[in-house]
Amino acid sequence: MSTLSIEGLKVSIGGHDILRGVDLSLAQGRVHGLAGESGSGKTMTGLATLGLLPHGARVSGRIALGDRELLGLPPRELNRVRGREIAMVFQDPATSLHPMLTVGRQITEHMRHHLRLGRTEAHSRAVDLLTQVRIPSPADAARRYPHQFSGGMRQRIAIAVALACGPRVLIADEPTTALDVTVQAGVLRLLRRLCDELGLAVLLVTHDLGVMSAVADEVSVMRDGLVVETGPRARVLREPGHPYTRALLDALPREDTRPQEGP
């Protein structure tokens, strides 16, 4: 059964069709890769799921979390879903993390708002989350500021913030693009492990099909606001059925096209 189901999702902004009928299904404990070139609609799909579209955007279709319809929810109810049940990790942690707040405070504020935890309990859980995403000396790290960490560590902290309230769905929007190759691999292994251990439904948005080969269970390929191909990772990467998918694969170094086993 799908944890998150998107059917016929259309988004237009200023008269321009951005999404033209997107269909996606995310399952618990699975990583679903969403690939495509810049401008294909990948990020817009994630933002639409969270209700974070620009003012004036026109939206139709269906977005369901379990049996709960999200499109058309009143803002107050949608705010309860956002962060509590669906969370998002953005491409650049330098912009998603507040530079003037300690790491611990950025994690605990979510828990105190959504879960009504007391200060002590929230702080203890923040340290546990930093441990879970493998931040060294987590108790000390909670007292530090984002600029005191490397890019890879900041992205791990951003993941901890996203996980603070125990969401069912995690949308990771190009989470490794700003990182070097070695650090990328560590963040991808972390997402895979969290998916397996916590039973998350993960939507991994990326332009790089090579990234998909490392962690995704299923892969969808987007072009011009539509999903043109969906299937198990191995089938899509070894035997692509759509010419656009084949073109994306042909643009990769040969070794990146082979599906790999996740850690």
Protein backbone atom coordinates (compact mmCIF):
# COMPACT_ATOMS: atom_id res chain seq x y z
CA MET A 1 0.00 0.00 0.00
CA SER A 2 1.31 3.45 -0.92
CA THR A 3 2.38 5.79 1.86
CA LEU A 4 2.21 8.76 -0.53
CA SER A 5 0.25 8.70 -3.77
CA ILE A 6 0.33 11.43 -6.42
CA GLU A 7 -2.13 11.15 -9.29
CA GLY A 8 -2.62 13.45 -12.25
CA LEU A 9 -0.82 16.34 -10.52
CA LYS A 10 -0.90 19.52 -12.59
CA VAL A 11 0.65 22.85 -11.67
CA SER A 12 0.58 26.05 -13.70
CA ILE A 13 2.21 29.34 -12.78
CA GLY A 14 1.51 32.53 -14.66
CA GLY A 15 -0.26 30.59 -17.39
CA HIS A 16 2.69 28.23 -17.93
CA ASP A 17 2.18 24.52 -17.36
CA ILE A 18 4.95 23.28 -15.03
CA LEU A 19 3.52 19.87 -14.15
CA ARG A 20 1.22 18.25 -16.71
CA GLY A 21 -0.19 15.19 -14.94
CA VAL A 22 2.41 13.62 -12.65
CA ASP A 23 1.79 10.14 -11.21
CA LEU A 24 4.03 8.81 -8.41
CA SER A 25 3.65 6.25 -5.64
CA LEU A 26 5.94 6.02 -2.59
CA ALA A 27 5.97 3.01 -0.27
CA GLN A 28 7.15 2.64 3.29
CA GLY A 29 10.77 1.51 3.61
CA ARG A 30 11.55 2.25 -0.04
CA VAL A 31 13.63 4.89 -1.81
CA HIS A 32 11.94 6.19 -4.96
CA GLY A 33 14.29 8.08 -7.24
CA LEU A 34 12.93 10.95 -9.34
CA ALA A 35 15.35 11.88 -12.11
CA GLY A 36 15.38 14.37 -14.95
CA GLU A 37 17.13 17.42 -16.30
CA SER A 38 16.86 20.86 -14.74
CA GLY A 39 13.41 22.29 -15.41
CA SER A 40 11.73 18.91 -15.82
CA GLY A 41 9.49 19.50 -12.78
CA LYS A 42 11.22 17.34 -10.16
CA THR A 43 11.57 19.98 -7.46
CA MET A 44 8.14 21.43 -8.22
CA THR A 45 6.64 17.99 -7.53
CA GLY A 46 8.20 17.97 -4.07
CA LEU A 47 7.13 21.54 -3.33
CA ALA A 48 3.58 20.83 -4.46
CA THR A 49 3.44 17.85 -2.11
CA LEU A 50 4.33 20.12 0.81
CA GLY A 51 2.03 22.94 -0.33
CA LEU A 52 4.97 25.28 -0.87
CA LEU A 53 4.10 26.56 -4.33
CA PRO A 54 4.40 30.24 -5.27
CA HIS A 55 1.43 32.51 -4.72
CA GLY A 56 -0.99 32.29 -7.61
CA ALA A 57 -0.04 28.77 -8.67
CA ARG A 58 -2.96 26.70 -9.95
CA VAL A 59 -2.96 23.07 -8.78
CA SER A 60 -5.16 20.10 -9.62
CA GLY A 61 -4.98 16.34 -9.28
CA ARG A 62 -4.58 14.27 -6.15
CA ILE A 63 -1.92 14.03 -3.42
CA ALA A 64 -2.79 11.53 -0.71
CA LEU A 65 -0.89 10.60 2.44
CA GLY A 66 -2.32 7.19 3.15
CA ASP A 67 -6.05 7.78 2.78
CA ARG A 68 -5.82 11.51 3.60
CA GLU A 69 -6.14 13.98 0.72
CA LEU A 70 -3.63 16.85 1.04
CA LEU A 71 -4.65 19.10 -1.84
CA GLY A 72 -7.16 21.61 -0.59
CA LEU A 73 -6.34 21.20 3.09
CA PRO A 74 -6.77 24.42 5.10
CA PRO A 75 -3.40 26.10 5.79
CA ARG A 76 -3.48 25.25 9.50
CA GLU A 77 -4.01 21.54 8.83
CA LEU A 78 -1.37 21.53 6.10
CA ASN A 79 1.11 23.11 8.51
CA ARG A 80 0.54 20.19 10.87
CA VAL A 81 1.33 17.74 8.08
CA ARG A 82 4.40 19.67 6.92
CA GLY A 83 7.36 18.70 9.07
CA ARG A 84 5.31 16.36 11.24
CA GLU A 85 4.34 13.76 8.62
CA ILE A 86 6.18 14.89 5.49
CA ALA A 87 9.59 16.57 5.67
CA MET A 88 11.98 17.91 3.06
CA VAL A 89 15.76 18.17 2.81
CA PHE A 90 16.92 20.85 0.40
CA GLN A 91 19.92 21.01 -1.91
CA ASP A 92 21.99 23.53 0.03
CA PRO A 93 22.09 23.20 3.83
CA ALA A 94 23.82 26.57 4.03
CA THR A 95 20.51 28.19 3.09
CA SER A 96 18.11 25.76 4.79
CA LEU A 97 19.80 26.02 8.21
CA HIS A 98 19.52 29.27 10.16
CA PRO A 99 23.04 30.69 10.61
CA MET A 100 22.25 32.45 13.91
CA LEU A 101 20.66 29.49 15.76
CA THR A 102 22.51 26.58 17.30
CA VAL A 103 22.08 23.19 15.70
CA GLY A 104 20.30 21.92 18.81
CA ARG A 105 17.79 24.75 18.82
CA GLN A 106 16.95 24.22 15.15
CA ILE A 107 16.10 20.59 15.88
CA THR A 108 14.26 21.15 19.16
CA GLU A 109 12.04 23.99 17.87
CA HIS A 110 10.34 21.58 15.47
CA MET A 111 9.72 19.05 18.24
CA ARG A 112 8.44 21.60 20.71
CA HIS A 113 6.06 23.03 18.13
CA HIS A 114 4.71 19.82 16.59
CA LEU A 115 5.13 17.30 19.42
CA ARG A 116 4.72 19.64 22.42
CA LEU A 117 7.85 18.24 24.07
CA GLY A 118 9.46 19.97 27.04
CA ARG A 119 12.88 21.59 26.72
CA THR A 120 14.82 18.75 28.38
CA GLU A 121 13.12 15.96 26.47
CA ALA A 122 13.47 17.81 23.17
CA HIS A 123 17.18 18.41 23.78
CA SER A 124 17.76 14.73 24.61
CA ARG A 125 16.00 13.69 21.41
CA ALA A 126 18.04 16.24 19.41
CA VAL A 127 21.27 14.66 20.65
CA ASP A 128 19.90 11.22 19.76
CA LEU A 129 19.08 12.43 16.24
CA LEU A 130 22.57 13.85 15.77
CA THR A 131 23.92 10.49 16.86
CA GLN A 132 21.62 8.75 14.39
CA VAL A 133 22.93 10.81 11.47
CA ARG A 134 26.48 10.20 12.72
CA ILE A 135 27.56 13.66 13.78
CA PRO A 136 30.69 13.29 15.97
CA SER A 137 30.35 14.40 19.63
CA PRO A 138 26.62 15.03 19.24
CA ALA A 139 26.07 16.71 22.63
CA ASP A 140 28.79 19.25 21.82
CA ALA A 141 27.56 19.59 18.22
CA ALA A 142 24.10 20.59 19.47
CA ARG A 143 25.66 23.73 21.03
CA ARG A 144 27.47 24.77 17.87
CA TYR A 145 26.36 26.78 14.82
CA PRO A 146 26.00 25.59 11.20
CA HIS A 147 29.06 27.51 9.95
CA GLN A 148 31.24 25.44 12.29
CA PHE A 149 30.58 22.28 10.28
CA SER A 150 31.65 21.05 6.85
CA GLY A 151 29.16 20.90 3.99
CA GLY A 152 28.63 17.18 4.41
CA MET A 153 28.06 17.52 8.16
CA ARG A 154 25.61 20.40 7.56
CA GLN A 155 23.61 18.20 5.21
CA ARG A 156 23.49 15.47 7.88
CA ILE A 157 22.28 18.08 10.36
CA ALA A 158 19.59 19.18 7.88
CA ILE A 159 18.47 15.55 7.68
CA ALA A 160 18.32 15.40 11.49
CA VAL A 161 16.12 18.53 11.48
CA ALA A 162 13.85 16.91 8.89
CA LEU A 163 13.56 13.75 11.00
CA ALA A 164 12.91 15.60 14.26
CA CYS A 165 9.18 14.89 14.39
CA GLY A 166 9.26 11.36 13.02
CA PRO A 167 7.80 11.95 9.53
CA ARG A 168 6.47 9.11 7.39
CA VAL A 169 7.76 10.65 4.15
CA LEU A 170 11.12 12.32 3.47
CA ILE A 171 11.63 14.32 0.28
CA ALA A 172 15.33 14.83 -0.46
CA ASP A 173 15.78 17.45 -3.19
CA GLU A 174 19.22 17.10 -4.80
CA PRO A 175 20.75 16.49 -1.34
CA THR A 176 24.25 15.69 -2.65
CA THR A 177 24.67 18.16 -5.52
CA ALA A 178 26.77 20.66 -3.52
CA LEU A 179 29.05 17.96 -2.06
CA ASP A 180 32.19 16.29 -3.35
CA VAL A 181 32.00 12.68 -4.49
CA THR A 182 33.27 11.07 -1.29
CA VAL A 183 30.89 13.09 0.90
CA GLN A 184 28.03 12.40 -1.52
CA ALA A 185 28.46 8.66 -1.00
CA GLY A 186 28.26 9.06 2.78
CA VAL A 187 25.04 11.07 2.63
CA LEU A 188 23.45 8.58 0.23
CA ARG A 189 24.40 5.68 2.51
CA LEU A 190 22.84 7.59 5.40
CA LEU A 191 19.55 8.09 3.52
CA ARG A 192 19.46 4.40 2.61
CA ARG A 193 20.12 3.35 6.21
CA LEU A 194 17.48 5.70 7.63
CA CYS A 195 14.96 4.45 5.10
CA ASP A 196 15.62 0.85 6.12
CA GLU A 197 15.79 1.43 9.88
CA LEU A 198 12.92 3.90 10.25
CA GLY A 199 10.66 2.58 7.50
CA LEU A 200 10.59 5.96 5.76
CA ALA A 201 9.17 6.49 2.32
CA VAL A 202 11.93 8.51 0.62
CA LEU A 203 11.61 10.54 -2.57
CA LEU A 204 15.14 11.19 -3.81
CA VAL A 205 15.12 13.99 -6.38
CA THR A 206 18.23 14.24 -8.57
CA HIS A 207 19.37 15.02 -12.09
CA ASP A 208 21.96 12.22 -11.83
CA LEU A 209 20.89 8.68 -12.69
CA GLY A 210 24.25 7.53 -11.36
CA VAL A 211 23.13 8.61 -7.89
CA MET A 212 19.98 6.53 -8.33
CA SER A 213 22.01 3.42 -9.04
CA ALA A 214 23.45 3.50 -5.52
CA VAL A 215 20.32 3.73 -3.37
CA ALA A 216 16.96 3.74 -5.18
CA ASP A 217 14.52 0.83 -5.17
CA GLU A 218 12.32 2.34 -7.87
CA VAL A 219 13.13 5.05 -10.41
CA SER A 220 10.87 7.52 -12.19
CA VAL A 221 12.14 9.74 -14.99
CA MET A 222 10.61 13.16 -15.63
CA ARG A 223 10.62 15.28 -18.75
CA ASP A 224 8.72 18.50 -19.41
CA GLY A 225 6.42 18.10 -16.42
CA LEU A 226 5.54 14.45 -17.00
CA VAL A 227 6.80 11.12 -15.67
CA VAL A 228 7.83 9.31 -18.86
CA GLU A 229 9.07 6.08 -17.27
CA THR A 230 8.79 4.30 -13.91
CA GLY A 231 10.02 0.92 -12.76
CA PRO A 232 12.41 -1.05 -10.59
CA ARG A 233 15.90 0.44 -10.53
CA ALA A 234 17.60 -2.46 -12.28
CA ARG A 235 15.06 -2.59 -15.11
CA VAL A 236 15.03 1.15 -15.77
CA LEU A 237 18.82 1.47 -15.72
CA ARG A 238 19.59 -1.71 -17.67
CA GLU A 239 16.66 -1.81 -20.07
CA PRO A 240 15.20 1.71 -20.34
CA GLY A 241 11.96 1.80 -22.25
CA HIS A 242 11.84 5.50 -23.13
CA PRO A 243 14.27 7.27 -25.50
CA TYR A 244 14.72 10.11 -23.00
CA THR A 245 15.84 7.68 -20.28
CA ARG A 246 18.30 6.10 -22.71
CA ALA A 247 19.67 9.55 -23.55
CA LEU A 248 20.23 10.33 -19.87
CA LEU A 249 22.03 7.03 -19.40
CA ASP A 250 24.17 7.57 -22.49
CA ALA A 251 25.37 10.83 -20.95
CA LEU A 252 26.80 9.00 -17.92
CA PRO A 253 30.19 7.29 -17.60
CA ARG A 254 29.65 3.63 -18.40
CA GLU A 255 30.29 2.33 -14.89
CA ASP A 256 27.64 4.64 -13.38
CA THR A 257 24.87 2.99 -15.38
CA ARG A 258 25.17 -0.36 -13.64
CA PRO A 259 22.77 -0.84 -10.74
CA GLN A 260 24.71 -1.29 -7.51
CA GLU A 261 23.78 -2.94 -4.27
CA GLY A 262 22.90 -0.54 -1.49
CA PRO A 263 25.00 -0.69 1.68
